[in-house]
């Protein structure tokens, strides 16, 4: 097991677990960034608007995997969602997450 897996847990297994629960992917990049390429069937909710969309996210009644360009904004978004009682995980960069979910 890699050192980062020991420190932070194995993200791939958490992503697979969330997928098995029917997780929804929320991409927190700007609309412009999202429109330049995104994961199929993901939802675009820019980070700066996520707090105002908590009610909508709760209505999905699904675990959430967040993503962005590098994993920084999606980490912030996952924390906001978790602090509001939503099961969420930071999926990191959208391109990396797309690779992980398309190879399952």
Protein backbone atom coordinates (compact mmCIF):
# COMPACT_ATOMS: atom_id res chain seq x y z
CA UNK A 1 0.00 0.00 0.00
CA UNK A 2 1.29 3.42 -0.87
CA UNK A 3 2.12 5.97 1.81
CA UNK A 4 -0.70 8.30 0.72
CA UNK A 5 -3.19 5.42 0.95
CA UNK A 6 -2.03 4.82 4.51
CA UNK A 7 -2.39 8.49 5.40
CA UNK A 8 -5.60 9.31 3.58
CA UNK A 9 -7.25 5.97 2.83
CA UNK A 10 -7.63 4.44 -0.58
CA UNK A 11 -9.65 6.95 -2.62
CA UNK A 12 -10.30 4.43 -5.41
CA UNK A 13 -12.10 2.05 -3.05
CA UNK A 14 -14.12 4.93 -1.56
CA UNK A 15 -15.12 6.09 -5.04
CA UNK A 16 -16.18 2.54 -5.96
CA UNK A 17 -18.16 2.31 -2.71
CA UNK A 18 -19.91 5.60 -3.46
CA UNK A 19 -20.63 4.47 -7.04
CA UNK A 20 -22.21 1.26 -5.73
CA UNK A 21 -24.60 3.48 -3.74
CA UNK A 22 -25.61 5.39 -6.89
CA UNK A 23 -23.52 8.49 -6.19
CA UNK A 24 -24.05 11.69 -8.13
CA UNK A 25 -20.98 13.51 -9.45
CA UNK A 26 -21.00 17.25 -8.86
CA UNK A 27 -18.41 19.24 -10.79
CA UNK A 28 -17.69 22.47 -8.92
CA UNK A 29 -15.76 24.26 -11.68
CA UNK A 30 -17.12 27.41 -13.29
CA UNK A 31 -19.75 27.05 -16.01
CA UNK A 32 -17.14 28.05 -18.61
CA UNK A 33 -14.69 25.38 -17.39
CA UNK A 34 -17.45 22.77 -17.26
CA UNK A 35 -18.60 23.55 -20.79
CA UNK A 36 -15.07 22.89 -22.08
CA UNK A 37 -15.32 19.23 -21.02
CA UNK A 38 -16.87 17.25 -18.19
CA UNK A 39 -17.80 13.79 -16.94
CA UNK A 40 -20.92 12.44 -18.63
CA UNK A 41 -24.04 12.82 -16.47
CA UNK A 42 -22.26 15.02 -13.93
CA UNK A 43 -23.99 18.09 -12.51
CA UNK A 44 -22.29 21.48 -12.60
CA UNK A 45 -22.66 23.47 -9.39
CA UNK A 46 -19.81 26.00 -9.16
CA UNK A 47 -18.15 26.12 -5.74
CA UNK A 48 -19.16 29.73 -5.17
CA UNK A 49 -22.86 28.73 -5.41
CA UNK A 50 -22.80 25.36 -3.61
CA UNK A 51 -23.94 26.74 -0.24
CA UNK A 52 -27.07 28.16 -1.85
CA UNK A 53 -27.80 24.80 -3.52
CA UNK A 54 -27.66 22.59 -0.37
CA UNK A 55 -31.44 22.03 -0.50
CA UNK A 56 -31.26 20.89 -4.13
CA UNK A 57 -28.35 18.55 -3.37
CA UNK A 58 -30.20 17.05 -0.39
CA UNK A 59 -33.21 16.36 -2.65
CA UNK A 60 -31.00 14.11 -4.81
CA UNK A 61 -30.92 11.77 -1.80
CA UNK A 62 -27.67 10.20 -3.04
CA UNK A 63 -24.05 10.27 -1.93
CA UNK A 64 -22.01 12.92 -3.75
CA UNK A 65 -18.61 12.74 -5.43
CA UNK A 66 -17.20 16.21 -6.08
CA UNK A 67 -14.59 17.10 -8.69
CA UNK A 68 -12.88 20.15 -10.21
CA UNK A 69 -9.56 20.83 -11.98
CA UNK A 70 -7.07 19.88 -9.27
CA UNK A 71 -9.10 18.67 -6.29
CA UNK A 72 -8.82 21.84 -4.20
CA UNK A 73 -12.26 23.33 -4.93
CA UNK A 74 -13.87 19.89 -4.87
CA UNK A 75 -12.30 19.28 -1.44
CA UNK A 76 -13.85 22.51 -0.18
CA UNK A 77 -17.20 21.56 -1.71
CA UNK A 78 -17.13 18.05 -0.18
CA UNK A 79 -16.48 19.60 3.24
CA UNK A 80 -19.36 22.06 2.82
CA UNK A 81 -21.68 19.21 1.85
CA UNK A 82 -20.52 16.99 4.74
CA UNK A 83 -20.99 19.89 7.18
CA UNK A 84 -24.60 20.07 5.97
CA UNK A 85 -25.31 16.38 6.56
CA UNK A 86 -24.67 15.13 3.02
CA UNK A 87 -22.52 12.05 2.42
CA UNK A 88 -19.76 13.39 0.18
CA UNK A 89 -16.23 12.58 -0.96
CA UNK A 90 -13.66 14.61 -2.88
CA UNK A 91 -13.09 12.83 -6.20
CA UNK A 92 -10.20 15.15 -7.11
CA UNK A 93 -9.60 16.30 -10.65
CA UNK A 94 -12.40 15.63 -13.10
CA UNK A 95 -10.07 14.04 -15.64
CA UNK A 96 -8.60 11.64 -13.08
CA UNK A 97 -12.05 10.83 -11.69
CA UNK A 98 -13.36 10.23 -15.21
CA UNK A 99 -10.54 7.71 -15.78
CA UNK A 100 -11.31 5.95 -12.49
CA UNK A 101 -15.03 5.62 -13.08
CA UNK A 102 -14.74 4.64 -16.75
CA UNK A 103 -12.42 1.72 -15.88
CA UNK A 104 -14.77 0.15 -13.31
